[in-house]
Amino acid sequence: MHAFMERIGHMIRHKRSIPFLFIALGVAFSAAMLIAYALTGISTFTPVLSTKVIVMESICIDIGVLLVLFEVKNGKYGLYLLSLWTWLEFLFYEASYISNVLVGIDGNQFSIGFILTVIFGLLAWVCTLISAILQKQELGWHTDPTGKEA
């Protein structure tokens, strides 16, 4: 395990560019969202965790790890879209909880677990978007064939 961690550290320090560091941050925030959701996702309004959210977030983490370890340049927009979809799916699943708090009839407030889950999910898809944008600039896709800036 120690050798694996040393290899990862070496790759990040010497081989990886900024877009890959943002993907790694996105993976970390995705894992944090998954943990926060698994620990605090059950409430009186959502008595069961959403299997779809858990599976989609696990897939985001897996794809992110593959993108970082194997330096795959394509697929970052796909990861961004999947991260965004997972975050929105979580919000849709929690719609009754959100509406109850926003209406405020019974005085319920957002729990710290819910707020952390929302923030971690938001940060995960923002990091993957930033990574895709930076990768696009790094590859030179922001210029047209005549050499002018797009």
Protein backbone atom coordinates (compact mmCIF):
# COMPACT_ATOMS: atom_id res chain seq x y z
CA MET A 1 0.00 0.00 0.00
CA HIS A 2 2.87 2.36 0.82
CA ALA A 3 4.45 1.80 -2.60
CA PHE A 4 1.12 2.55 -4.27
CA MET A 5 0.78 5.84 -2.37
CA GLU A 6 4.37 6.78 -3.26
CA ARG A 7 3.61 6.10 -6.93
CA ILE A 8 0.52 8.29 -6.79
CA GLY A 9 2.46 11.07 -5.05
CA HIS A 10 5.25 10.87 -7.61
CA MET A 11 2.82 11.02 -10.53
CA ILE A 12 1.06 14.04 -9.09
CA ARG A 13 4.30 15.91 -8.37
CA HIS A 14 6.16 15.13 -11.58
CA LYS A 15 3.82 14.02 -14.33
CA ARG A 16 0.41 15.47 -13.82
CA SER A 17 -0.89 18.79 -14.94
CA ILE A 18 -3.33 21.12 -13.22
CA PRO A 19 -6.44 19.55 -14.88
CA PHE A 20 -5.57 16.20 -13.35
CA LEU A 21 -5.24 17.76 -9.92
CA PHE A 22 -8.76 19.19 -10.31
CA ILE A 23 -10.03 15.72 -11.26
CA ALA A 24 -8.37 14.36 -8.12
CA LEU A 25 -10.11 17.07 -6.08
CA GLY A 26 -13.38 16.16 -7.79
CA VAL A 27 -12.89 12.52 -6.82
CA ALA A 28 -12.18 13.52 -3.22
CA PHE A 29 -15.31 15.69 -3.07
CA SER A 30 -17.36 12.92 -4.70
CA ALA A 31 -16.17 10.48 -2.05
CA ALA A 32 -17.00 13.04 0.65
CA MET A 33 -20.49 13.49 -0.82
CA LEU A 34 -21.04 9.74 -0.90
CA ILE A 35 -19.91 9.34 2.70
CA ALA A 36 -21.99 12.30 3.91
CA TYR A 37 -25.04 11.00 2.05
CA ALA A 38 -24.61 7.45 3.35
CA LEU A 39 -24.27 8.66 6.94
CA THR A 40 -26.93 11.39 7.02
CA GLY A 41 -29.22 10.82 4.04
CA ILE A 42 -32.12 9.19 5.90
CA SER A 43 -34.73 11.54 7.30
CA THR A 44 -38.46 11.53 7.96
CA PHE A 45 -39.02 12.77 4.41
CA THR A 46 -36.63 10.32 2.73
CA PRO A 47 -36.74 7.10 4.76
CA VAL A 48 -34.47 5.19 2.32
CA LEU A 49 -31.23 6.14 0.62
CA SER A 50 -31.43 6.43 -3.15
CA THR A 51 -29.68 3.50 -4.77
CA LYS A 52 -29.43 5.51 -7.97
CA VAL A 53 -27.53 8.34 -6.26
CA ILE A 54 -25.16 5.90 -4.56
CA VAL A 55 -24.45 3.97 -7.78
CA MET A 56 -24.01 7.13 -9.86
CA GLU A 57 -21.65 8.68 -7.30
CA SER A 58 -19.65 5.44 -7.14
CA ILE A 59 -19.35 5.47 -10.92
CA CYS A 60 -18.15 9.11 -10.78
CA ILE A 61 -15.46 8.13 -8.31
CA ASP A 62 -14.37 5.14 -10.41
CA ILE A 63 -14.18 7.14 -13.63
CA GLY A 64 -12.32 9.95 -11.88
CA VAL A 65 -9.74 7.56 -10.50
CA LEU A 66 -9.24 6.04 -13.95
CA LEU A 67 -8.83 9.49 -15.49
CA VAL A 68 -6.18 10.41 -12.93
CA LEU A 69 -4.22 7.15 -12.88
CA PHE A 70 -4.11 6.54 -16.62
CA GLU A 71 -3.91 10.19 -17.70
CA VAL A 72 -6.88 9.94 -20.02
CA LYS A 73 -7.39 13.36 -21.57
CA ASN A 74 -10.78 12.70 -23.12
CA GLY A 75 -13.79 11.99 -20.99
CA LYS A 76 -13.56 14.89 -18.57
CA TYR A 77 -16.71 16.51 -19.92
CA GLY A 78 -18.45 13.17 -19.52
CA LEU A 79 -17.34 13.00 -15.91
CA TYR A 80 -18.50 16.59 -15.40
CA LEU A 81 -21.94 15.78 -16.82
CA LEU A 82 -22.22 12.62 -14.74
CA SER A 83 -21.21 14.51 -11.59
CA LEU A 84 -23.77 17.22 -12.34
CA TRP A 85 -26.45 14.62 -13.03
CA THR A 86 -25.66 12.82 -9.77
CA TRP A 87 -25.86 16.06 -7.80
CA LEU A 88 -29.18 16.99 -9.41
CA GLU A 89 -30.51 13.47 -8.86
CA PHE A 90 -29.70 13.85 -5.16
CA LEU A 91 -31.57 17.17 -5.05
CA PHE A 92 -34.56 15.68 -6.88
CA TYR A 93 -34.64 12.75 -4.48
CA GLU A 94 -34.63 15.16 -1.54
CA ALA A 95 -37.32 17.41 -3.08
CA SER A 96 -39.92 16.73 -0.36
CA TYR A 97 -37.37 17.54 2.36
CA ILE A 98 -36.26 20.72 0.57
CA SER A 99 -39.83 21.89 -0.03
CA ASN A 100 -40.82 21.22 3.59
CA VAL A 101 -37.91 23.28 4.89
CA LEU A 102 -38.49 26.10 2.42
CA VAL A 103 -42.22 26.29 3.21
CA GLY A 104 -41.36 26.23 6.90
CA ILE A 105 -44.73 25.08 8.26
CA ASP A 106 -43.31 22.86 10.98
CA GLY A 107 -40.11 24.82 11.62
CA ASN A 108 -37.72 22.25 10.15
CA GLN A 109 -34.28 23.47 9.08
CA PHE A 110 -31.69 21.96 6.79
CA SER A 111 -29.49 19.51 8.66
CA ILE A 112 -25.73 19.94 8.61
CA GLY A 113 -25.44 16.56 6.87
CA PHE A 114 -27.72 17.70 4.06
CA ILE A 115 -25.83 20.97 3.67
CA LEU A 116 -22.46 19.17 3.57
CA THR A 117 -23.77 16.68 1.02
CA VAL A 118 -24.99 19.50 -1.21
CA ILE A 119 -21.71 21.43 -0.88
CA PHE A 120 -19.52 18.37 -1.53
CA GLY A 121 -21.59 17.45 -4.59
CA LEU A 122 -21.41 21.01 -5.90
CA LEU A 123 -17.65 21.14 -5.41
CA ALA A 124 -17.23 17.76 -7.13
CA TRP A 125 -18.90 18.82 -10.35
CA VAL A 126 -17.34 22.29 -10.33
CA CYS A 127 -13.86 20.73 -10.01
CA THR A 128 -14.54 18.37 -12.91
CA LEU A 129 -15.82 21.27 -15.02
CA ILE A 130 -12.72 23.35 -14.24
CA SER A 131 -10.56 20.36 -15.15
CA ALA A 132 -12.29 19.96 -18.50
CA ILE A 133 -11.97 23.68 -19.28
CA LEU A 134 -8.28 23.75 -18.34
CA GLN A 135 -7.64 20.59 -20.37
CA LYS A 136 -9.29 22.22 -23.37
CA GLN A 137 -6.99 25.23 -23.06
CA GLU A 138 -3.94 23.01 -22.50
CA LEU A 139 -4.66 21.07 -25.70
CA GLY A 140 -5.15 24.28 -27.70
CA TRP A 141 -8.80 23.74 -28.55
CA HIS A 142 -9.48 27.41 -27.86
CA THR A 143 -7.94 28.43 -31.21
CA ASP A 144 -9.42 27.98 -34.64
CA PRO A 145 -7.45 26.51 -37.61
CA THR A 146 -6.30 29.96 -38.77
CA GLY A 147 -4.52 30.47 -35.46
CA LYS A 148 -6.78 33.20 -34.11
CA GLU A 149 -8.09 33.02 -30.56
CA ALA A 150 -11.67 31.78 -30.36
